[in-house]
Amino acid sequence: MEGSNLRALDDDLAAAFPDSASVNTALRAALAMRDAMVPRRATRKRNSRAA
């Protein structure tokens, strides 16, 4: 597998995710949920105050 990064799964997770594709799909879904739930910070302009 070109450019692969191997990670060990606990036995219960390996049973639920039998191949790389299922692991990747689940992780991408988790990241999408995280991104949807975390509010984005609004970019504020700093006020230029004259001293």
C-alpha atoms as a PDB file:
ATOM      1  CA  MET A   1       0.000   0.000   0.000  1.00  0.00           C
ATOM      2  CA  GLU A   2       1.623   3.223  -1.170  1.00  0.00           C
ATOM      3  CA  GLY A   3       1.989   5.926   1.480  1.00  0.00           C
ATOM      4  CA  SER A   4       0.257   3.894   4.142  1.00  0.00           C
ATOM      5  CA  ASN A   5       0.298   4.689   7.843  1.00  0.00           C
ATOM      6  CA  LEU A   6      -0.476   1.672   9.960  1.00  0.00           C
ATOM      7  CA  ARG A   7      -2.388   1.921  13.227  1.00  0.00           C
ATOM      8  CA  ALA A   8      -3.322  -0.909  15.554  1.00  0.00           C
ATOM      9  CA  LEU A   9      -7.005  -1.275  16.414  1.00  0.00           C
ATOM     10  CA  ASP A  10      -8.365  -2.814  19.584  1.00  0.00           C
ATOM     11  CA  ASP A  11     -10.062  -6.148  18.961  1.00  0.00           C
ATOM     12  CA  ASP A  12     -13.598  -4.776  19.346  1.00  0.00           C
ATOM     13  CA  LEU A  13     -12.925  -2.034  16.803  1.00  0.00           C
ATOM     14  CA  ALA A  14     -11.244  -4.426  14.381  1.00  0.00           C
ATOM     15  CA  ALA A  15     -14.391  -6.556  14.485  1.00  0.00           C
ATOM     16  CA  ALA A  16     -16.568  -3.524  13.677  1.00  0.00           C
ATOM     17  CA  PHE A  17     -14.244  -2.201  10.957  1.00  0.00           C
ATOM     18  CA  PRO A  18     -12.891  -5.161   9.000  1.00  0.00           C
ATOM     19  CA  ASP A  19     -10.954  -3.189   6.375  1.00  0.00           C
ATOM     20  CA  SER A  20      -9.207   0.128   5.716  1.00  0.00           C
ATOM     21  CA  ALA A  21     -12.089   1.510   3.673  1.00  0.00           C
ATOM     22  CA  SER A  22     -14.576   1.097   6.539  1.00  0.00           C
ATOM     23  CA  VAL A  23     -12.171   2.703   9.017  1.00  0.00           C
ATOM     24  CA  ASN A  24     -11.532   5.642   6.683  1.00  0.00           C
ATOM     25  CA  THR A  25     -15.252   6.135   6.015  1.00  0.00           C
ATOM     26  CA  ALA A  26     -16.045   6.157   9.752  1.00  0.00           C
ATOM     27  CA  LEU A  27     -13.203   8.556  10.562  1.00  0.00           C
ATOM     28  CA  ARG A  28     -14.199  10.946   7.782  1.00  0.00           C
ATOM     29  CA  ALA A  29     -17.791  10.899   9.042  1.00  0.00           C
ATOM     30  CA  ALA A  30     -16.587  11.646  12.582  1.00  0.00           C
ATOM     31  CA  LEU A  31     -14.522  14.583  11.318  1.00  0.00           C
ATOM     32  CA  ALA A  32     -17.464  15.915   9.326  1.00  0.00           C
ATOM     33  CA  MET A  33     -19.685  15.764  12.430  1.00  0.00           C
ATOM     34  CA  ARG A  34     -17.014  17.508  14.488  1.00  0.00           C
ATOM     35  CA  ASP A  35     -16.677  20.248  11.892  1.00  0.00           C
ATOM     36  CA  ALA A  36     -20.448  20.689  11.736  1.00  0.00           C
ATOM     37  CA  MET A  37     -20.776  20.979  15.519  1.00  0.00           C
ATOM     38  CA  VAL A  38     -17.826  23.231  16.351  1.00  0.00           C
ATOM     39  CA  PRO A  39     -18.811  26.854  15.912  1.00  0.00           C
ATOM     40  CA  ARG A  40     -16.489  28.827  13.712  1.00  0.00           C
ATOM     41  CA  ARG A  41     -14.886  31.873  15.274  1.00  0.00           C
ATOM     42  CA  ALA A  42     -15.821  35.074  13.561  1.00  0.00           C
ATOM     43  CA  THR A  43     -12.833  37.041  12.410  1.00  0.00           C
ATOM     44  CA  ARG A  44     -12.858  40.406  14.101  1.00  0.00           C
ATOM     45  CA  LYS A  45     -11.064  43.480  12.932  1.00  0.00           C
ATOM     46  CA  ARG A  46      -9.024  45.149  15.614  1.00  0.00           C
ATOM     47  CA  ASN A  47     -10.032  48.662  16.423  1.00  0.00           C
ATOM     48  CA  SER A  48      -7.324  51.180  15.749  1.00  0.00           C
ATOM     49  CA  ARG A  49      -7.423  53.497  18.711  1.00  0.00           C
ATOM     50  CA  ALA A  50      -5.465  56.686  18.773  1.00  0.00           C
ATOM     51  CA  ALA A  51      -3.758  57.163  22.098  1.00  0.00           C
END
